[in-house]
Structures are given as structure tokens and as C-alpha cells.
Protein backbone atom coordinates (compact mmCIF):
# COMPACT_ATOMS: atom_id res chain seq x y z
CA UNK A 1 -8.79 -31.42 23.94
CA UNK A 2 -10.55 -34.73 23.21
CA UNK A 3 -8.58 -37.72 21.83
CA UNK A 4 -9.84 -38.84 18.41
CA UNK A 5 -9.68 -41.87 16.09
CA UNK A 6 -7.92 -41.74 12.71
CA UNK A 7 -11.25 -41.36 10.90
CA UNK A 8 -12.29 -38.48 13.16
CA UNK A 9 -8.89 -36.84 12.72
CA UNK A 10 -9.22 -37.09 8.93
CA UNK A 11 -12.69 -35.52 9.00
CA UNK A 12 -11.44 -32.83 11.35
CA UNK A 13 -8.54 -31.95 9.03
CA UNK A 14 -10.93 -31.76 6.08
CA UNK A 15 -13.39 -29.53 7.92
CA UNK A 16 -10.66 -27.29 9.27
CA UNK A 17 -9.40 -26.81 5.70
CA UNK A 18 -12.92 -26.05 4.46
CA UNK A 19 -13.56 -23.56 7.26
CA UNK A 20 -10.15 -21.92 6.80
CA UNK A 21 -10.74 -21.41 3.06
CA UNK A 22 -14.37 -20.31 3.46
CA UNK A 23 -13.64 -17.75 6.18
CA UNK A 24 -10.51 -16.53 4.38
CA UNK A 25 -12.54 -15.92 1.22
CA UNK A 26 -15.36 -14.46 3.30
CA UNK A 27 -13.33 -11.65 4.80
CA UNK A 28 -11.42 -11.05 1.57
CA UNK A 29 -14.79 -10.85 -0.18
CA UNK A 30 -16.04 -8.05 2.05
CA UNK A 31 -13.48 -5.75 0.42
CA UNK A 32 -15.20 -6.04 -2.96
CA UNK A 33 -18.10 -4.09 -1.44
CA UNK A 34 -15.84 -1.74 0.54
CA UNK A 35 -13.12 -0.58 -1.85
CA UNK A 36 -14.88 0.61 -5.04
CA UNK A 37 -16.20 3.84 -3.49
CA UNK A 38 -12.74 4.88 -2.31
CA UNK A 39 -11.16 4.21 -5.69
CA UNK A 40 -13.95 6.15 -7.41
CA UNK A 41 -13.53 9.31 -5.30
CA UNK A 42 -11.82 11.18 -8.13
CA UNK A 43 -14.53 10.20 -10.62
CA UNK A 44 -17.31 11.11 -8.18
CA UNK A 45 -15.69 14.52 -7.73
CA UNK A 46 -15.51 15.04 -11.50
CA UNK A 47 -18.87 13.58 -12.56
CA UNK A 48 -21.15 14.32 -9.58
CA UNK A 49 -19.43 17.49 -8.30
CA UNK A 50 -18.57 16.14 -4.83
CA UNK A 51 -15.75 18.11 -3.17
CA UNK A 52 -13.18 16.51 -0.84
CA UNK A 53 -15.17 17.48 2.28
CA UNK A 54 -18.32 15.79 0.92
CA UNK A 55 -16.38 12.68 -0.04
CA UNK A 56 -14.84 12.68 3.43
CA UNK A 57 -18.28 12.94 5.04
CA UNK A 58 -19.60 10.01 2.99
CA UNK A 59 -16.62 7.92 4.00
CA UNK A 60 -16.95 9.02 7.62
CA UNK A 61 -20.59 7.94 7.78
CA UNK A 62 -19.53 4.49 6.70
CA UNK A 63 -16.81 4.42 9.32
CA UNK A 64 -19.04 5.69 12.15
CA UNK A 65 -21.61 3.00 11.36
CA UNK A 66 -18.84 0.42 11.03
CA UNK A 67 -17.28 1.34 14.37
CA UNK A 68 -20.55 1.47 16.31
CA UNK A 69 -21.77 -1.78 14.80
CA UNK A 70 -18.51 -3.55 15.71
CA UNK A 71 -19.49 -3.45 19.38
CA UNK A 72 -22.97 -4.78 18.63
CA UNK A 73 -21.63 -7.40 16.20
CA UNK A 74 -19.33 -8.86 18.85
CA UNK A 75 -22.19 -9.29 21.31
CA UNK A 76 -24.64 -10.52 18.65
CA UNK A 77 -22.08 -13.03 17.39
CA UNK A 78 -21.87 -14.55 20.86
CA UNK A 79 -25.67 -14.84 20.93
CA UNK A 80 -26.63 -15.87 17.39
CA UNK A 81 -23.41 -17.47 16.19
CA UNK A 82 -20.95 -16.36 13.49
CA UNK A 83 -22.76 -18.11 10.62
CA UNK A 84 -25.94 -16.06 10.92
CA UNK A 85 -23.92 -12.84 11.25
CA UNK A 86 -21.77 -13.49 8.18
CA UNK A 87 -24.52 -14.54 5.79
CA UNK A 88 -26.73 -11.64 6.83
CA UNK A 89 -23.96 -9.04 6.75
CA UNK A 90 -22.70 -10.04 3.31
CA UNK A 91 -26.23 -10.05 1.90
CA UNK A 92 -26.97 -6.52 3.12
CA UNK A 93 -23.61 -5.21 1.88
CA UNK A 94 -24.29 -6.63 -1.59
CA UNK A 95 -27.65 -4.86 -1.68
CA UNK A 96 -26.13 -1.55 -0.54
CA UNK A 97 -23.49 -1.63 -3.30
CA UNK A 98 -26.11 -2.28 -5.95
CA UNK A 99 -27.87 0.78 -4.55
CA UNK A 100 -24.66 2.86 -4.91
CA UNK A 101 -24.48 1.91 -8.57
CA UNK A 102 -27.88 3.44 -9.36
CA UNK A 103 -27.49 6.57 -7.19
CA UNK A 104 -26.33 10.07 -8.09
CA UNK A 105 -27.03 12.26 -5.05
CA UNK A 106 -24.93 12.83 -1.95
CA UNK A 107 -27.98 12.07 0.20
CA UNK A 108 -28.36 8.59 -1.28
CA UNK A 109 -24.66 7.92 -0.71
CA UNK A 110 -25.00 9.08 2.90
CA UNK A 111 -27.80 6.58 3.62
CA UNK A 112 -26.38 3.66 1.68
CA UNK A 113 -22.89 4.12 3.08
CA UNK A 114 -24.28 4.01 6.62
CA UNK A 115 -26.12 0.77 5.86
CA UNK A 116 -23.01 -0.69 4.26
CA UNK A 117 -20.96 0.20 7.34
CA UNK A 118 -23.32 -1.72 9.64
CA UNK A 119 -23.29 -4.73 7.30
CA UNK A 120 -19.50 -4.76 6.91
CA UNK A 121 -19.03 -4.74 10.69
CA UNK A 122 -20.25 -8.34 10.87
CA UNK A 123 -17.19 -9.65 9.08
CA UNK A 124 -14.21 -9.51 11.39
CA UNK A 125 -15.55 -10.58 14.78
CA UNK A 126 -17.73 -13.35 13.32
CA UNK A 127 -14.85 -14.81 11.31
CA UNK A 128 -12.52 -14.56 14.32
CA UNK A 129 -15.15 -16.34 16.43
CA UNK A 130 -15.31 -19.10 13.83
CA UNK A 131 -11.54 -19.57 13.67
CA UNK A 132 -11.25 -19.53 17.47
CA UNK A 133 -13.45 -22.64 17.63
CA UNK A 134 -11.42 -24.57 15.06
CA UNK A 135 -7.79 -23.78 16.06
CA UNK A 136 -6.16 -23.84 19.49
CA UNK A 137 -3.82 -21.34 21.13
CA UNK A 138 -0.51 -23.00 20.20
CA UNK A 139 -1.33 -22.88 16.46
CA UNK A 140 -2.91 -19.47 16.24
CA UNK A 141 0.12 -17.31 15.58
CA UNK A 142 1.12 -19.25 12.48
CA UNK A 143 -2.42 -20.14 11.38
CA UNK A 144 -3.77 -16.64 11.85
CA UNK A 145 -0.66 -15.16 10.24
CA UNK A 146 -1.64 -17.05 7.09
CA UNK A 147 -5.39 -16.52 7.52
CA UNK A 148 -5.15 -12.78 8.03
CA UNK A 149 -3.56 -12.33 4.63
CA UNK A 150 -7.23 -12.19 3.60
CA UNK A 151 -7.66 -8.47 4.06
CA UNK A 152 -4.48 -7.60 2.18
CA UNK A 153 -5.21 -10.07 -0.62
CA UNK A 154 -8.85 -9.01 -0.67
CA UNK A 155 -7.77 -5.38 -0.80
CA UNK A 156 -5.31 -6.04 -3.62
CA UNK A 157 -7.71 -8.01 -5.81
CA UNK A 158 -10.67 -5.74 -5.03
CA UNK A 159 -8.51 -2.68 -5.78
CA UNK A 160 -7.20 -4.12 -9.03
CA UNK A 161 -10.62 -5.24 -10.24
CA UNK A 162 -12.30 -1.99 -9.24
CA UNK A 163 -9.53 0.05 -10.93
CA UNK A 164 -9.78 -2.01 -14.12
CA UNK A 165 -13.57 -1.78 -14.32
CA UNK A 166 -13.42 1.91 -13.36
CA UNK A 167 -10.97 2.65 -16.16
CA UNK A 168 -12.89 0.69 -18.80
CA UNK A 169 -16.55 0.95 -17.85
CA UNK A 170 -17.00 3.70 -15.24
CA UNK A 171 -17.61 3.95 -11.52
CA UNK A 172 -21.13 2.49 -11.57
CA UNK A 173 -19.95 -0.71 -13.22
CA UNK A 174 -17.13 -0.90 -10.66
CA UNK A 175 -19.69 -0.99 -7.83
CA UNK A 176 -21.85 -3.61 -9.59
CA UNK A 177 -18.80 -5.82 -10.18
CA UNK A 178 -17.93 -5.66 -6.48
CA UNK A 179 -21.44 -6.74 -5.50
CA UNK A 180 -21.37 -9.68 -7.93
CA UNK A 181 -18.01 -10.84 -6.55
CA UNK A 182 -19.22 -10.80 -2.95
CA UNK A 183 -22.33 -12.78 -3.93
CA UNK A 184 -20.10 -15.57 -5.30
CA UNK A 185 -18.28 -15.65 -1.96
CA UNK A 186 -21.61 -15.70 -0.09
CA UNK A 187 -22.42 -19.02 -1.79
CA UNK A 188 -19.07 -20.49 -0.71
CA UNK A 189 -19.62 -19.45 2.91
CA UNK A 190 -23.15 -20.87 2.87
CA UNK A 191 -21.87 -24.32 1.94
CA UNK A 192 -18.58 -24.50 3.85
CA UNK A 193 -18.62 -22.39 7.04
CA UNK A 194 -19.65 -23.95 10.38
CA UNK A 195 -19.47 -22.32 13.82
CA UNK A 196 -17.48 -25.12 15.43
CA UNK A 197 -16.60 -28.84 15.28
CA UNK A 198 -19.70 -29.75 17.28
CA UNK A 199 -21.88 -28.55 14.35
CA UNK A 200 -20.61 -31.47 12.25
CA UNK A 201 -20.37 -34.05 15.02
CA UNK A 202 -16.65 -33.64 15.75
CA UNK A 203 -14.88 -33.20 19.11
CA UNK A 204 -13.43 -29.90 20.30
CA UNK A 205 -9.86 -29.01 19.32
CA UNK A 206 -9.48 -26.45 22.10
CA UNK A 207 -7.21 -26.40 25.13
CA UNK A 208 -8.72 -27.20 28.53
CA UNK A 209 -8.86 -23.52 29.52
CA UNK A 210 -10.75 -22.53 26.37
CA UNK A 211 -14.21 -23.82 27.10
CA UNK A 212 -16.56 -23.75 24.08
CA UNK A 213 -19.58 -21.50 24.17
CA UNK A 214 -22.22 -20.43 21.68
CA UNK A 215 -24.67 -21.77 19.11
CA UNK A 216 -23.57 -25.20 17.87
CA UNK A 217 -20.96 -25.71 20.60
CA UNK A 218 -21.08 -28.00 23.60
CA UNK A 219 -22.61 -26.54 26.80
CA UNK A 220 -20.28 -24.35 28.82
CA UNK A 221 -20.27 -22.43 32.08
CA UNK A 222 -21.89 -19.02 32.01
CA UNK A 223 -19.82 -15.84 31.99
CA UNK A 224 -16.73 -14.87 30.03
CA UNK A 225 -14.19 -15.39 32.81
CA UNK A 226 -12.71 -11.89 32.31
CA UNK A 227 -10.96 -10.06 35.14
CA UNK A 228 -9.65 -6.50 35.46
CA UNK A 229 -6.41 -7.29 33.63
CA UNK A 230 -8.27 -8.68 30.63
CA UNK A 231 -10.31 -5.49 30.35
CA UNK A 232 -7.16 -3.34 30.58
CA UNK A 233 -5.48 -5.44 27.90
CA UNK A 234 -8.47 -4.97 25.60
CA UNK A 235 -8.34 -1.20 26.12
CA UNK A 236 -4.56 -1.01 25.54
CA UNK A 237 -4.75 -3.03 22.32
CA UNK A 238 -7.89 -1.15 21.24
CA UNK A 239 -6.21 2.27 21.63
CA UNK A 240 -3.13 0.99 19.81
CA UNK A 241 -5.44 -0.22 17.04
CA UNK A 242 -7.12 3.21 16.94
CA UNK A 243 -3.89 4.83 15.73
CA UNK A 244 -2.86 1.89 13.54
CA UNK A 245 -6.21 1.81 11.79
CA UNK A 246 -6.19 5.59 11.36
CA UNK A 247 -3.00 5.22 9.31
CA UNK A 248 -4.25 2.18 7.42
CA UNK A 249 -7.53 3.74 6.33
CA UNK A 250 -5.90 7.09 5.56
CA UNK A 251 -3.55 5.42 3.09
CA UNK A 252 -6.00 3.15 1.30
CA UNK A 253 -8.85 5.66 1.42
CA UNK A 254 -6.94 8.70 0.18
CA UNK A 255 -3.84 7.38 -1.64
CA UNK A 256 -5.66 6.98 -5.01
CA UNK A 257 -7.12 10.48 -4.61
CA UNK A 258 -3.71 12.04 -3.79
CA UNK A 259 -2.00 10.13 -6.61
CA UNK A 260 -4.57 11.52 -9.05
CA UNK A 261 -4.79 15.08 -7.74
CA UNK A 262 -1.24 15.76 -6.45
CA UNK A 263 0.93 13.51 -8.60
CA UNK A 264 -1.07 13.76 -11.84
CA UNK A 265 -1.86 10.07 -12.41
CA UNK A 266 -4.95 8.73 -14.17
CA UNK A 267 -7.65 7.12 -12.01
CA UNK A 268 -6.81 3.52 -12.93
CA UNK A 269 -3.03 4.09 -12.65
CA UNK A 270 -3.53 5.70 -9.23
CA UNK A 271 -5.54 2.65 -8.18
CA UNK A 272 -2.82 0.25 -9.31
CA UNK A 273 -0.02 2.08 -7.48
CA UNK A 274 -2.09 2.37 -4.31
CA UNK A 275 -2.31 -1.44 -4.18
CA UNK A 276 1.39 -1.51 -3.20
CA UNK A 277 0.21 -0.79 0.33
CA UNK A 278 -1.82 -4.03 0.42
CA UNK A 279 0.54 -6.16 -1.69
CA UNK A 280 3.47 -5.53 0.65
CA UNK A 281 1.24 -6.21 3.63
CA UNK A 282 0.87 -9.89 2.66
CA UNK A 283 4.47 -10.97 3.41
CA UNK A 284 4.42 -8.68 6.44
CA UNK A 285 1.45 -10.53 7.96
CA UNK A 286 2.89 -13.99 7.31
CA UNK A 287 6.28 -13.02 8.73
CA UNK A 288 4.81 -11.37 11.83
CA UNK A 289 2.64 -14.38 12.68
CA UNK A 290 5.50 -16.84 12.19
CA UNK A 291 7.89 -14.74 14.28
CA UNK A 292 5.38 -14.53 17.14
CA UNK A 293 5.20 -18.34 17.40
CA UNK A 294 8.83 -19.10 16.53
CA UNK A 295 10.74 -16.49 18.54
CA UNK A 296 8.24 -14.78 20.87
CA UNK A 297 6.68 -17.85 22.55
CA UNK A 298 3.25 -17.22 20.96
CA UNK A 299 3.19 -13.70 22.39
CA UNK A 300 2.17 -10.93 20.03
CA UNK A 301 3.25 -7.65 21.63
CA UNK A 302 7.03 -7.87 21.16
CA UNK A 303 6.99 -8.56 17.44
CA UNK A 304 4.21 -5.96 17.02
CA UNK A 305 6.39 -3.31 18.66
CA UNK A 306 9.24 -4.19 16.31
CA UNK A 307 7.03 -3.84 13.23
CA UNK A 308 5.41 -0.64 14.51
CA UNK A 309 8.88 0.87 14.82
CA UNK A 310 9.39 0.20 11.09
CA UNK A 311 6.02 1.82 10.38
CA UNK A 312 7.12 4.89 12.34
CA UNK A 313 10.30 5.11 10.25
CA UNK A 314 8.29 5.00 7.00
CA UNK A 315 6.03 7.81 8.27
CA UNK A 316 9.08 9.94 9.13
CA UNK A 317 10.37 9.57 5.56
CA UNK A 318 6.90 10.23 4.13
CA UNK A 319 6.54 13.44 6.14
CA UNK A 320 10.05 14.61 5.23
CA UNK A 321 10.28 13.63 1.56
CA UNK A 322 6.82 12.38 0.51
CA UNK A 323 5.92 15.40 -1.58
CA UNK A 324 9.15 15.18 -3.61
CA UNK A 325 8.02 12.53 -6.10
CA UNK A 326 5.52 9.77 -6.74
CA UNK A 327 8.35 7.23 -6.34
CA UNK A 328 9.07 8.30 -2.76
CA UNK A 329 5.36 8.23 -1.97
CA UNK A 330 4.99 4.75 -3.47
CA UNK A 331 8.00 3.34 -1.58
CA UNK A 332 6.78 4.80 1.72
CA UNK A 333 3.28 3.35 1.44
CA UNK A 334 4.78 -0.03 0.44
CA UNK A 335 6.99 -0.12 3.55
CA UNK A 336 4.10 1.10 5.67
CA UNK A 337 1.91 -1.74 4.39
CA UNK A 338 4.59 -4.34 5.15
CA UNK A 339 5.05 -3.03 8.68
CA UNK A 340 1.42 -2.21 9.55
CA UNK A 341 -0.61 -5.19 8.43
CA UNK A 342 1.25 -7.75 10.55
CA UNK A 343 0.45 -6.18 13.96
CA UNK A 344 -3.00 -5.19 12.69
CA UNK A 345 -3.87 -8.78 11.82
CA UNK A 346 -2.04 -10.46 14.70
CA UNK A 347 -3.46 -8.41 17.56
CA UNK A 348 -7.05 -8.33 16.31
CA UNK A 349 -6.93 -12.01 15.31
CA UNK A 350 -4.77 -14.32 17.42
CA UNK A 351 -4.33 -11.58 20.04
CA UNK A 352 -8.09 -11.14 20.50
CA UNK A 353 -8.48 -14.91 20.80
CA UNK A 354 -5.77 -15.09 23.45
CA UNK A 355 -7.09 -12.11 25.42
CA UNK A 356 -10.75 -13.11 25.37
CA UNK A 357 -10.33 -16.94 25.36
CA UNK A 358 -12.74 -19.07 23.28
CA UNK A 359 -15.80 -18.00 25.23
CA UNK A 360 -15.04 -14.32 24.73
CA UNK A 361 -13.07 -14.34 21.46
CA UNK A 362 -15.90 -12.94 19.34
CA UNK A 363 -16.68 -10.21 21.87
CA UNK A 364 -13.00 -9.32 22.44
CA UNK A 365 -12.45 -9.05 18.68
CA UNK A 366 -15.53 -6.85 18.39
CA UNK A 367 -14.44 -4.53 21.22
CA UNK A 368 -10.86 -4.17 19.99
CA UNK A 369 -12.01 -3.61 16.42
CA UNK A 370 -14.72 -1.21 17.61
CA UNK A 371 -12.25 0.97 19.53
CA UNK A 372 -9.82 0.80 16.63
CA UNK A 373 -12.48 1.72 14.11
CA UNK A 374 -12.83 5.18 15.68
CA UNK A 375 -9.44 6.02 14.12
CA UNK A 376 -10.67 5.78 10.52
CA UNK A 377 -13.56 8.09 11.39
CA UNK A 378 -11.12 10.74 12.58
CA UNK A 379 -8.91 10.51 9.51
CA UNK A 380 -11.84 10.61 7.07
CA UNK A 381 -13.27 13.77 8.61
CA UNK A 382 -9.94 15.49 9.24
CA UNK A 383 -8.01 14.68 6.05
CA UNK A 384 -10.66 15.97 3.64
CA UNK A 385 -10.82 19.27 5.51
CA UNK A 386 -7.03 19.51 5.89
CA UNK A 387 -6.68 18.99 2.16
CA UNK A 388 -9.31 21.55 1.15
CA UNK A 389 -8.12 24.06 3.75
CA UNK A 390 -4.50 23.91 2.59
CA UNK A 391 -5.33 24.18 -1.08
CA UNK A 392 -4.22 20.62 -1.76
CA UNK A 393 -0.96 20.65 0.22
CA UNK A 394 -0.12 17.26 1.79
CA UNK A 395 2.13 18.40 4.66
CA UNK A 396 -0.67 18.43 7.24
CA UNK A 397 -1.87 14.99 6.14
CA UNK A 398 1.62 13.49 6.42
CA UNK A 399 2.06 15.08 9.87
CA UNK A 400 -1.17 13.43 11.04
CA UNK A 401 0.17 10.05 9.95
CA UNK A 402 3.48 10.65 11.74
CA UNK A 403 1.84 11.64 15.03
CA UNK A 404 -0.39 8.57 14.84
CA UNK A 405 2.62 6.31 14.29
CA UNK A 406 4.34 7.76 17.36
CA UNK A 407 1.22 7.21 19.47
CA UNK A 408 0.84 3.62 18.24
CA UNK A 409 4.46 2.86 19.10
CA UNK A 410 3.99 4.19 22.64
CA UNK A 411 0.83 2.11 23.20
CA UNK A 412 2.52 -1.08 22.05
CA UNK A 413 5.43 -0.30 24.38
CA UNK A 414 2.86 -0.25 27.20
CA UNK A 415 1.61 -3.70 26.11
CA UNK A 416 5.16 -5.08 26.13
CA UNK A 417 5.73 -3.64 29.61
CA UNK A 418 2.51 -5.29 30.86
CA UNK A 419 3.78 -8.60 29.53
CA UNK A 420 7.03 -8.25 31.44
CA UNK A 421 5.16 -7.32 34.63
CA UNK A 422 2.99 -10.42 34.30
CA UNK A 423 -0.27 -8.55 33.66
CA UNK A 424 -0.81 -10.00 30.17
CA UNK A 425 0.02 -12.94 27.98
CA UNK A 426 -0.10 -10.98 24.79
């Protein structure tokens, strides 16, 4: 890390604040063009005649495109730089959501949802690559714990806005409102995001072993510097994320639908209650990041295992008592959100940075997120068919969530064991 004068330090603090805010808003903003469809599932079923299997297929097409594009986005981000990826991805997602708002056929939704999935995949790895250039390893647990509140906060605000517009003006207006919101964020990113300190004439803030690489950075040696253990760590965290993300997407994709169909709530009320999952995730993310730096020596696996255990407990209660009342369902998804979002954010944010180092942070984030994004595909295809096949009974759905929580807990136990054996610093 290069020594700097007081003036340089002041400029660096200002730019780090600008980049933090711009990238935080950027990823939160993506949710305004991701959430409206899922909240409108009940209305689409009523007004356009889509059954649960069709809705599941539409959602699955988005998720397949999102997962496949994650791998490409990680590699492209290393080549073209995060800035190009973010501005392009947001622009395409805005256009796709405007297209949703004027469409009425399942075929149009199939095509547009696939395009939206590719566009949305640019968000995570490109933002992680940006943050990796501006914050060093010792700060990342705490900084990324705060930064990764973006996808809970984005989910909460996007949910609330989409539910309000849906209730008052219909599902088409809800999609248009989401596109307009993301366009406002696009302007903020255009004026405030930069790939790294070198882009604005500032010295690197990175540790000596995190050599900068990429558009706008200082020259660096070729290659990522990854060995066999790094690849194994990426696979372990990626498989863990598969099961974690399966649960996450199952709850925010289908909770409004279940609340409307199984618990008898109106569409906007179902949307409001489903936001408990995201709202409770915000303190969970902040706490998990702080604990990893304060008590776990900037290692992420131990605290993630602890939180995943709490997630498992909430899934046990949901499977056993979830069908009893809407109150039990609401409490379970709130606890699940608190427990799930911390490890989700920590391991795909600071964890990906630590595993891949600065040169490979964007690619590592893309690979981990790409493997993890297969989980949402499975849940979207399976849950719709489970629901239709059981006549609307939720037992099979809750069992799927429980099995996934068990599998996630086992994978994180493997990561902790690798830490203790000296095969990872995770």
C-alpha cells in the first residue's frame, strides 16, 4: 500500500465514500427490475391465466440466464472493467422491464425474462470487483457487512414500492415504476463509480499481496495466482451458496404467492408481509460482517456456520408448524432472513475477495455466484410443480427448504474444517 499525503488521503476518503454509495445504490437498484414480476405472480395468474407451472417456468428462464451469465460476467468484468458491465447491464434490464409492462403473452415473458436474467447477472461480480479495488483485506468484513445490506434494503424498498403500485395501479404500472427507479440509479453510477483509485489519479489502497489488475488499474503480472486449494475453496463455497440461494429465492419468489393463495391475504398485504424476510436480513448482514472481523480474525466460515445453524432451526419450525397460521409463517421467514443474508453477503462479497485476491476477485465472485445461482433454478422449477401436484399443499415445499438447509450446514462445516487444516483462509 502506497504512503500518501494529507491531500491525497482526503481525496481518497471522498472517492471511497462516493464509490461505496454509488455501488451500494447500484446493486440495490437492480432489485427494482427484479422483484415486480415475483410480486405480481398472483395478478398474472388471475388476469392472464398463467398457472403456477407457467409462472415457475418464466421465473426459471430468468434464473437459468442469470446463472449462466454469471460465469461470463465474471470473465468479462476482468477484461472490460466493472464500469462498462454495470452501465450496460442496468440499461438492458430497464429496457426489458418496460417490455414486460406492455406484454400479455407467456411467450413474450419467456423472451424478456431471459434477457433480463443476462442483464441482471452483471451486477454482483462487477460491484464486488469495484469494491475490491477500493478496500483492503483488513477492512472488508466490516465494510462489506455494511455494503451488502444493499440487496436486503433494495429488496425491501423494491418490494414495498412494487406492492404499493400493484395494489393501486396494477401490475403493469408496477413494472414501469421499477424501470424508472433503476434509471435514476443508472445516472448516479454514471457520475460516481470508478473501477479503482488509479482511474482518478490516486494510489492503490491494497495490501502487497493483492496486486491490481484490470482496466484503469496499474500494470500487474499476468495470471490470477490461483492454486488447487483456491479452486477447491471456490467449489465448496459455491455449492454451499447453491443451497443457500435455493432457500433465499424460494422464500422471496413464492412467499407472496403462498400468502395470497394459502393464507388468504390480498396481493399488496402479501407483498408487505413477505418483506419481513429482507427487513430482518439487514441487521443479520451487519452483525455477521462485524463478528467476522471482531471475533473470527477476518475469517468468514466460522460465523457463517453459526448463522446457517440458525437458518436450519427456522426451517425445522417452518416444516413442522408453518401451515398452522400466517403468524408462524411470518416469524419463520423473518428468522430465516436474519440468519441467511449474513453468510450470503459475506461469502460472496468479502469471502470472494479473499479467495480470489484483487486480481481474481471479479472472477471468483462470478464463479461462486454462478454455481450458487443454479439453486434458484431448481426451486423455481420444482416448487411450482410440487404446489400444483399437491393441490396447493405446502408440506413438500417446506421439506425442500429443510433439506437444503441441512445440506448448506454440512458444506459450511467442510469449509470450517478446511480452515482448521490450513487449506483455506476463509
